Amino acid sequence: MIASAVEKLEQSLKDKAIGYHVLSGRYKSLYSIYRKMLKKKLTVDEIHDIHGLRLIVGNEEDCYKALRVVHQLWPEVPGKFKDYITDSKFNWYQSLHTVVMDEGMVPLEVQI
């Protein structure tokens, strides 16, 4: 699933001439899932970042362009978008996080 999502996003970014430095996928470890369930009192069905993509682009403008591409490829999960560029974290971390549903209706978190 991750390899397919990476390939699909990679092709769409190329088609839109959006450059990037790194595009990678990952699965959350079972231990991380377990810890998150305990800490936030969630069931496994409530965890939306078990599968994820990380995309590193060169500038802020490309972050938003890439986000539009992601939302054109997959439907967005309502209420699961965080704009840490407009609303930076206290440590100055800046990114866009969104959760989308892949073709198999499995949540996929994308961090740009």
Protein backbone atom coordinates (compact mmCIF):
# COMPACT_ATOMS: atom_id res chain seq x y z
CA MET A 1 0.00 0.00 0.00
CA ILE A 2 2.77 2.44 0.95
CA ALA A 3 4.79 1.70 -2.19
CA SER A 4 1.72 2.25 -4.35
CA ALA A 5 0.89 5.54 -2.62
CA VAL A 6 4.49 6.78 -2.97
CA GLU A 7 4.49 5.90 -6.68
CA LYS A 8 1.14 7.61 -7.25
CA LEU A 9 2.15 10.80 -5.42
CA GLU A 10 5.57 10.83 -7.08
CA GLN A 11 3.99 10.72 -10.55
CA SER A 12 1.44 13.43 -9.72
CA LEU A 13 4.12 15.74 -8.32
CA LYS A 14 6.16 15.20 -11.49
CA ASP A 15 3.10 15.92 -13.66
CA LYS A 16 2.53 19.21 -11.79
CA ALA A 17 6.26 20.09 -11.86
CA ILE A 18 6.49 20.25 -8.07
CA GLY A 19 10.03 19.47 -6.98
CA TYR A 20 10.85 17.73 -3.72
CA HIS A 21 13.86 16.53 -1.78
CA VAL A 22 12.49 13.38 -0.13
CA LEU A 23 9.35 11.29 -0.48
CA SER A 24 9.16 8.29 1.82
CA GLY A 25 6.60 6.01 3.37
CA ARG A 26 6.41 4.33 6.74
CA TYR A 27 4.32 2.07 8.94
CA LYS A 28 3.87 2.90 12.62
CA SER A 29 5.36 0.17 14.80
CA LEU A 30 3.10 -2.00 16.91
CA TYR A 31 4.72 -0.60 20.04
CA SER A 32 4.04 3.00 18.92
CA ILE A 33 0.43 2.10 18.17
CA TYR A 34 0.07 0.51 21.60
CA ARG A 35 1.60 3.53 23.36
CA LYS A 36 -0.65 5.95 21.50
CA MET A 37 -3.73 3.87 22.35
CA LEU A 38 -2.84 3.97 26.05
CA LYS A 39 -1.82 7.63 26.16
CA LYS A 40 -4.87 8.95 24.29
CA LYS A 41 -7.33 6.23 25.30
CA LEU A 42 -8.03 5.26 21.68
CA THR A 43 -9.04 2.06 19.94
CA VAL A 44 -6.94 0.88 17.00
CA ASP A 45 -9.72 2.06 14.64
CA GLU A 46 -9.27 5.61 15.95
CA ILE A 47 -5.58 5.77 15.01
CA HIS A 48 -5.20 7.39 11.60
CA ASP A 49 -1.41 7.47 11.28
CA ILE A 50 -0.58 3.77 11.12
CA HIS A 51 0.38 4.27 7.45
CA GLY A 52 2.10 7.46 6.41
CA LEU A 53 3.98 9.41 3.79
CA ARG A 54 6.52 12.12 4.43
CA LEU A 55 7.28 14.66 1.71
CA ILE A 56 10.01 17.27 2.04
CA VAL A 57 9.78 20.15 -0.42
CA GLY A 58 11.96 23.22 -0.92
CA ASN A 59 9.67 26.04 0.19
CA GLU A 60 6.37 27.00 1.77
CA GLU A 61 4.61 27.59 -1.55
CA ASP A 62 5.41 24.04 -2.67
CA CYS A 63 3.97 22.70 0.60
CA TYR A 64 0.56 24.06 -0.29
CA LYS A 65 0.87 22.98 -3.95
CA ALA A 66 1.74 19.45 -2.82
CA LEU A 67 -1.19 19.46 -0.39
CA ARG A 68 -3.56 20.26 -3.25
CA VAL A 69 -2.10 17.34 -5.21
CA VAL A 70 -2.58 14.98 -2.24
CA HIS A 71 -6.21 16.08 -1.85
CA GLN A 72 -6.81 15.57 -5.58
CA LEU A 73 -5.44 12.01 -5.37
CA TRP A 74 -7.28 10.85 -2.26
CA PRO A 75 -10.34 12.05 -0.33
CA GLU A 76 -9.53 14.03 2.81
CA VAL A 77 -10.72 12.79 6.21
CA PRO A 78 -12.71 15.71 7.66
CA GLY A 79 -11.20 17.29 10.76
CA LYS A 80 -7.80 15.64 10.24
CA PHE A 81 -5.85 18.54 8.72
CA LYS A 82 -3.26 20.50 10.71
CA ASP A 83 -1.46 23.55 9.31
CA TYR A 84 1.72 23.94 11.35
CA ILE A 85 2.99 26.56 8.88
CA THR A 86 0.27 29.10 9.63
CA ASP A 87 0.10 27.98 13.27
CA SER A 88 3.69 26.95 14.09
CA LYS A 89 4.41 24.75 17.07
CA PHE A 90 6.31 26.26 20.02
CA ASN A 91 9.56 24.69 18.74
CA TRP A 92 9.08 26.32 15.28
CA TYR A 93 8.26 23.01 13.62
CA GLN A 94 6.48 23.80 10.37
CA SER A 95 4.58 21.36 8.18
CA LEU A 96 1.19 20.35 6.89
CA HIS A 97 -0.41 17.15 8.18
CA THR A 98 -3.45 15.64 6.54
CA VAL A 99 -5.18 12.29 6.68
CA VAL A 100 -6.69 10.90 3.49
CA MET A 101 -8.34 7.61 2.58
CA ASP A 102 -6.48 5.44 0.10
CA GLU A 103 -8.19 3.24 -2.49
CA GLY A 104 -8.73 0.47 0.06
CA MET A 105 -10.41 2.96 2.41
CA VAL A 106 -7.42 2.78 4.78
CA PRO A 107 -6.38 6.05 6.46
CA LEU A 108 -3.07 7.45 5.22
CA GLU A 109 -1.37 10.33 7.01
CA VAL A 110 0.63 12.64 4.77
CA GLN A 111 3.16 15.04 6.30
CA ILE A 112 4.52 17.74 4.02
